Amino acid sequence: MENAASIQLVRLTTSGRNALDFALAYYVGRAVAADPTGHFHIVSKDTGFDPLIEHLRSRHIHADRHDDFAPLTAPTPVSAPAKPPSAAQEDLLTRASEHLRKLVTNRPKRKKTLISHLRSRFDKTASDAAMLDLVDRLSKAGRLTIREKDAVTYHDQVLTF
């Protein structure tokens, strides 16, 4: 899985009525506090988590519940083969991913702003095409999604129980 580093597995040492639900709410709350602009995924067939998801969404927090990992690991559609990225491009992708993960507040909210931010942070002489390619690679790596009106959603946390 591409985003394995962003998955947090939690093992409860005790059990009880709704113990899992309370633990999940606690860990999601901590994750949201650490990254209020992140996108949070709960992988569980238990529809009892849906009220939590709706509450998070009502607070403008990006959250979804999935029955399994399939939606999170869906393969990218096949197109014409692209040339593999160079080592320098891979290094830039890694550095940009890490920078955006650590940038909890003031993340760029629009694609244009993200491109400018990445250029000023990593390569002031880079072309628009090079920075657009970096944003596309961040998207393909599952680090972010560009939505309608070029709004950016960051994907940092996947919690599973």
C-alpha atoms as a PDB file:
ATOM      1  CA  MET A   1       0.000   0.000   0.000  1.00  0.00           C
ATOM      2  CA  GLU A   2       1.421   3.378  -1.024  1.00  0.00           C
ATOM      3  CA  ASN A   3       0.379   5.181   2.162  1.00  0.00           C
ATOM      4  CA  ALA A   4       1.321   2.493   4.657  1.00  0.00           C
ATOM      5  CA  ALA A   5       3.330   4.986   6.701  1.00  0.00           C
ATOM      6  CA  SER A   6       0.197   7.044   7.328  1.00  0.00           C
ATOM      7  CA  ILE A   7      -1.818   4.134   8.730  1.00  0.00           C
ATOM      8  CA  GLN A   8      -2.056   3.922  12.486  1.00  0.00           C
ATOM      9  CA  LEU A   9      -2.986   0.526  13.919  1.00  0.00           C
ATOM     10  CA  VAL A  10      -4.179   0.497  17.511  1.00  0.00           C
ATOM     11  CA  ARG A  11      -4.588  -2.640  19.601  1.00  0.00           C
ATOM     12  CA  LEU A  12      -6.885  -2.338  22.608  1.00  0.00           C
ATOM     13  CA  THR A  13      -5.865  -4.318  25.668  1.00  0.00           C
ATOM     14  CA  THR A  14      -9.337  -4.355  27.198  1.00  0.00           C
ATOM     15  CA  SER A  15     -12.796  -4.880  25.841  1.00  0.00           C
ATOM     16  CA  GLY A  16     -16.219  -3.659  26.733  1.00  0.00           C
ATOM     17  CA  ARG A  17     -19.364  -2.230  25.308  1.00  0.00           C
ATOM     18  CA  ASN A  18     -18.420   0.480  22.787  1.00  0.00           C
ATOM     19  CA  ALA A  19     -14.748   0.342  23.823  1.00  0.00           C
ATOM     20  CA  LEU A  20     -13.661   0.356  20.196  1.00  0.00           C
ATOM     21  CA  ASP A  21     -15.976   3.245  19.338  1.00  0.00           C
ATOM     22  CA  PHE A  22     -14.597   5.408  22.148  1.00  0.00           C
ATOM     23  CA  ALA A  23     -10.998   4.531  21.316  1.00  0.00           C
ATOM     24  CA  LEU A  24     -11.570   5.377  17.662  1.00  0.00           C
ATOM     25  CA  ALA A  25     -13.188   8.715  18.521  1.00  0.00           C
ATOM     26  CA  TYR A  26     -10.207   9.500  20.775  1.00  0.00           C
ATOM     27  CA  TYR A  27      -7.592   8.696  18.126  1.00  0.00           C
ATOM     28  CA  VAL A  28      -9.467  10.480  15.356  1.00  0.00           C
ATOM     29  CA  GLY A  29      -9.762  13.514  17.622  1.00  0.00           C
ATOM     30  CA  ARG A  30      -6.022  13.480  18.277  1.00  0.00           C
ATOM     31  CA  ALA A  31      -5.289  13.123  14.564  1.00  0.00           C
ATOM     32  CA  VAL A  32      -7.644  15.996  13.688  1.00  0.00           C
ATOM     33  CA  ALA A  33      -6.019  18.192  16.352  1.00  0.00           C
ATOM     34  CA  ALA A  34      -2.608  17.415  14.854  1.00  0.00           C
ATOM     35  CA  ASP A  35      -3.759  18.017  11.264  1.00  0.00           C
ATOM     36  CA  PRO A  36      -7.082  19.873  10.973  1.00  0.00           C
ATOM     37  CA  THR A  37      -6.827  19.999   7.175  1.00  0.00           C
ATOM     38  CA  GLY A  38      -6.085  16.285   6.747  1.00  0.00           C
ATOM     39  CA  HIS A  39      -8.376  13.656   5.261  1.00  0.00           C
ATOM     40  CA  PHE A  40      -9.302  10.860   7.652  1.00  0.00           C
ATOM     41  CA  HIS A  41     -10.466   7.382   6.694  1.00  0.00           C
ATOM     42  CA  ILE A  42     -12.087   4.865   9.023  1.00  0.00           C
ATOM     43  CA  VAL A  43     -11.951   1.339   7.648  1.00  0.00           C
ATOM     44  CA  SER A  44     -14.795  -0.598   9.257  1.00  0.00           C
ATOM     45  CA  LYS A  45     -18.023  -2.287   8.203  1.00  0.00           C
ATOM     46  CA  ASP A  46     -19.637  -0.945  11.369  1.00  0.00           C
ATOM     47  CA  THR A  47     -22.134   1.706  10.242  1.00  0.00           C
ATOM     48  CA  GLY A  48     -22.239   2.882  13.857  1.00  0.00           C
ATOM     49  CA  PHE A  49     -19.268   5.078  12.977  1.00  0.00           C
ATOM     50  CA  ASP A  50     -21.336   7.028  10.429  1.00  0.00           C
ATOM     51  CA  PRO A  51     -22.654   9.549  13.004  1.00  0.00           C
ATOM     52  CA  LEU A  52     -19.031  10.312  13.931  1.00  0.00           C
ATOM     53  CA  ILE A  53     -18.206  10.826  10.239  1.00  0.00           C
ATOM     54  CA  GLU A  54     -21.200  13.128   9.796  1.00  0.00           C
ATOM     55  CA  HIS A  55     -20.220  15.111  12.892  1.00  0.00           C
ATOM     56  CA  LEU A  56     -16.669  15.543  11.583  1.00  0.00           C
ATOM     57  CA  ARG A  57     -17.975  16.662   8.203  1.00  0.00           C
ATOM     58  CA  SER A  58     -20.317  19.166   9.875  1.00  0.00           C
ATOM     59  CA  ARG A  59     -17.172  20.678  11.406  1.00  0.00           C
ATOM     60  CA  HIS A  60     -15.575  20.878   7.904  1.00  0.00           C
ATOM     61  CA  ILE A  61     -13.227  17.975   8.591  1.00  0.00           C
ATOM     62  CA  HIS A  62     -12.651  15.626   5.664  1.00  0.00           C
ATOM     63  CA  ALA A  63     -13.616  12.149   6.829  1.00  0.00           C
ATOM     64  CA  ASP A  64     -14.942   8.963   5.246  1.00  0.00           C
ATOM     65  CA  ARG A  65     -15.800   5.438   6.351  1.00  0.00           C
ATOM     66  CA  HIS A  66     -14.980   2.508   4.068  1.00  0.00           C
ATOM     67  CA  ASP A  67     -16.046  -1.114   4.410  1.00  0.00           C
ATOM     68  CA  ASP A  68     -12.584  -2.232   3.279  1.00  0.00           C
ATOM     69  CA  PHE A  69      -9.311  -0.902   1.901  1.00  0.00           C
ATOM     70  CA  ALA A  70     -10.359  -1.264  -1.761  1.00  0.00           C
ATOM     71  CA  PRO A  71     -11.347   2.403  -2.270  1.00  0.00           C
ATOM     72  CA  LEU A  72      -8.054   3.468  -0.726  1.00  0.00           C
ATOM     73  CA  THR A  73      -5.937   1.173  -2.886  1.00  0.00           C
ATOM     74  CA  ALA A  74      -7.794   1.458  -6.197  1.00  0.00           C
ATOM     75  CA  PRO A  75      -5.316   1.181  -9.054  1.00  0.00           C
ATOM     76  CA  THR A  76      -4.623   4.223 -11.175  1.00  0.00           C
ATOM     77  CA  PRO A  77      -6.209   3.891 -14.643  1.00  0.00           C
ATOM     78  CA  VAL A  78      -3.787   2.561 -17.225  1.00  0.00           C
ATOM     79  CA  SER A  79      -2.665   5.047 -19.844  1.00  0.00           C
ATOM     80  CA  ALA A  80       0.289   5.403 -22.148  1.00  0.00           C
ATOM     81  CA  PRO A  81       3.452   4.309 -20.368  1.00  0.00           C
ATOM     82  CA  ALA A  82       5.270   7.256 -18.844  1.00  0.00           C
ATOM     83  CA  LYS A  83       8.986   7.443 -18.473  1.00  0.00           C
ATOM     84  CA  PRO A  84      10.040   6.634 -14.909  1.00  0.00           C
ATOM     85  CA  PRO A  85      10.841   9.624 -12.722  1.00  0.00           C
ATOM     86  CA  SER A  86      14.491  10.437 -12.192  1.00  0.00           C
ATOM     87  CA  ALA A  87      16.181  10.063  -8.820  1.00  0.00           C
ATOM     88  CA  ALA A  88      16.069  13.851  -8.413  1.00  0.00           C
ATOM     89  CA  GLN A  89      12.324  13.875  -9.132  1.00  0.00           C
ATOM     90  CA  GLU A  90      11.765  11.065  -6.612  1.00  0.00           C
ATOM     91  CA  ASP A  91      13.808  12.942  -4.015  1.00  0.00           C
ATOM     92  CA  LEU A  92      11.758  16.081  -4.625  1.00  0.00           C
ATOM     93  CA  LEU A  93       8.536  14.075  -4.327  1.00  0.00           C
ATOM     94  CA  THR A  94       9.704  12.615  -1.005  1.00  0.00           C
ATOM     95  CA  ARG A  95      10.816  15.995   0.341  1.00  0.00           C
ATOM     96  CA  ALA A  96       7.596  17.700  -0.787  1.00  0.00           C
ATOM     97  CA  SER A  97       5.466  14.922   0.753  1.00  0.00           C
ATOM     98  CA  GLU A  98       7.305  15.184   4.049  1.00  0.00           C
ATOM     99  CA  HIS A  99       7.109  18.989   4.039  1.00  0.00           C
ATOM    100  CA  LEU A 100       3.350  18.983   3.404  1.00  0.00           C
ATOM    101  CA  ARG A 101       2.812  16.298   6.060  1.00  0.00           C
ATOM    102  CA  LYS A 102       4.609  18.429   8.652  1.00  0.00           C
ATOM    103  CA  LEU A 103       2.922  21.656   7.523  1.00  0.00           C
ATOM    104  CA  VAL A 104      -0.126  21.303   9.756  1.00  0.00           C
ATOM    105  CA  THR A 105      -1.315  24.898   9.578  1.00  0.00           C
ATOM    106  CA  ASN A 106      -1.483  27.204   6.582  1.00  0.00           C
ATOM    107  CA  ARG A 107      -1.405  24.519   3.921  1.00  0.00           C
ATOM    108  CA  PRO A 108      -2.182  25.884   0.471  1.00  0.00           C
ATOM    109  CA  LYS A 109      -5.879  25.413  -0.195  1.00  0.00           C
ATOM    110  CA  ARG A 110      -5.842  25.838  -3.998  1.00  0.00           C
ATOM    111  CA  LYS A 111      -3.733  24.175  -6.678  1.00  0.00           C
ATOM    112  CA  LYS A 112      -2.268  27.466  -7.918  1.00  0.00           C
ATOM    113  CA  THR A 113      -1.206  28.431  -4.382  1.00  0.00           C
ATOM    114  CA  LEU A 114       0.242  24.949  -3.806  1.00  0.00           C
ATOM    115  CA  ILE A 115       2.347  25.242  -6.970  1.00  0.00           C
ATOM    116  CA  SER A 116       3.667  28.649  -5.857  1.00  0.00           C
ATOM    117  CA  HIS A 117       4.337  27.341  -2.353  1.00  0.00           C
ATOM    118  CA  LEU A 118       6.268  24.300  -3.598  1.00  0.00           C
ATOM    119  CA  ARG A 119       8.269  26.431  -6.034  1.00  0.00           C
ATOM    120  CA  SER A 120       9.295  28.909  -3.322  1.00  0.00           C
ATOM    121  CA  ARG A 121      10.153  26.079  -0.930  1.00  0.00           C
ATOM    122  CA  PHE A 122      12.090  23.753  -3.242  1.00  0.00           C
ATOM    123  CA  ASP A 123      13.091  25.301  -6.581  1.00  0.00           C
ATOM    124  CA  LYS A 124      12.549  28.995  -7.263  1.00  0.00           C
ATOM    125  CA  THR A 125      13.669  28.564 -10.879  1.00  0.00           C
ATOM    126  CA  ALA A 126      11.329  25.651 -11.682  1.00  0.00           C
ATOM    127  CA  SER A 127       8.858  26.054 -14.506  1.00  0.00           C
ATOM    128  CA  ASP A 128       5.099  25.899 -14.052  1.00  0.00           C
ATOM    129  CA  ALA A 129       5.159  22.579 -15.917  1.00  0.00           C
ATOM    130  CA  ALA A 130       7.726  21.097 -13.497  1.00  0.00           C
ATOM    131  CA  MET A 131       5.718  22.172 -10.447  1.00  0.00           C
ATOM    132  CA  LEU A 132       2.479  20.958 -12.026  1.00  0.00           C
ATOM    133  CA  ASP A 133       4.190  17.608 -12.606  1.00  0.00           C
ATOM    134  CA  LEU A 134       5.184  17.505  -8.922  1.00  0.00           C
ATOM    135  CA  VAL A 135       1.592  18.206  -7.842  1.00  0.00           C
ATOM    136  CA  ASP A 136       0.368  15.469 -10.218  1.00  0.00           C
ATOM    137  CA  ARG A 137       2.872  13.010  -8.744  1.00  0.00           C
ATOM    138  CA  LEU A 138       1.808  13.960  -5.197  1.00  0.00           C
ATOM    139  CA  SER A 139      -1.757  13.241  -6.259  1.00  0.00           C
ATOM    140  CA  LYS A 140      -0.876   9.891  -7.868  1.00  0.00           C
ATOM    141  CA  ALA A 141       1.062   8.954  -4.716  1.00  0.00           C
ATOM    142  CA  GLY A 142      -2.127   9.500  -2.712  1.00  0.00           C
ATOM    143  CA  ARG A 143      -0.780  12.479  -0.730  1.00  0.00           C
ATOM    144  CA  LEU A 144      -3.462  14.885  -1.973  1.00  0.00           C
ATOM    145  CA  THR A 145      -6.459  15.257  -4.240  1.00  0.00           C
ATOM    146  CA  ILE A 146      -7.326  18.200  -6.448  1.00  0.00           C
ATOM    147  CA  ARG A 147     -11.094  18.673  -6.316  1.00  0.00           C
ATOM    148  CA  GLU A 148     -13.462  20.984  -8.160  1.00  0.00           C
ATOM    149  CA  LYS A 149     -12.415  24.624  -8.373  1.00  0.00           C
ATOM    150  CA  ASP A 150      -8.838  23.375  -7.853  1.00  0.00           C
ATOM    151  CA  ALA A 151      -9.369  22.916  -4.091  1.00  0.00           C
ATOM    152  CA  VAL A 152      -6.669  20.754  -2.498  1.00  0.00           C
ATOM    153  CA  THR A 153      -7.439  17.963  -0.003  1.00  0.00           C
ATOM    154  CA  TYR A 154      -4.474  16.466   1.847  1.00  0.00           C
ATOM    155  CA  HIS A 155      -4.388  12.776   2.787  1.00  0.00           C
ATOM    156  CA  ASP A 156      -2.248  12.138   5.817  1.00  0.00           C
ATOM    157  CA  GLN A 157      -4.022   9.819   8.171  1.00  0.00           C
ATOM    158  CA  VAL A 158      -5.700   6.477   7.684  1.00  0.00           C
ATOM    159  CA  LEU A 159      -6.900   4.922  10.922  1.00  0.00           C
ATOM    160  CA  THR A 160      -8.085   1.340  11.087  1.00  0.00           C
ATOM    161  CA  PHE A 161      -9.413  -0.827  13.888  1.00  0.00           C
END
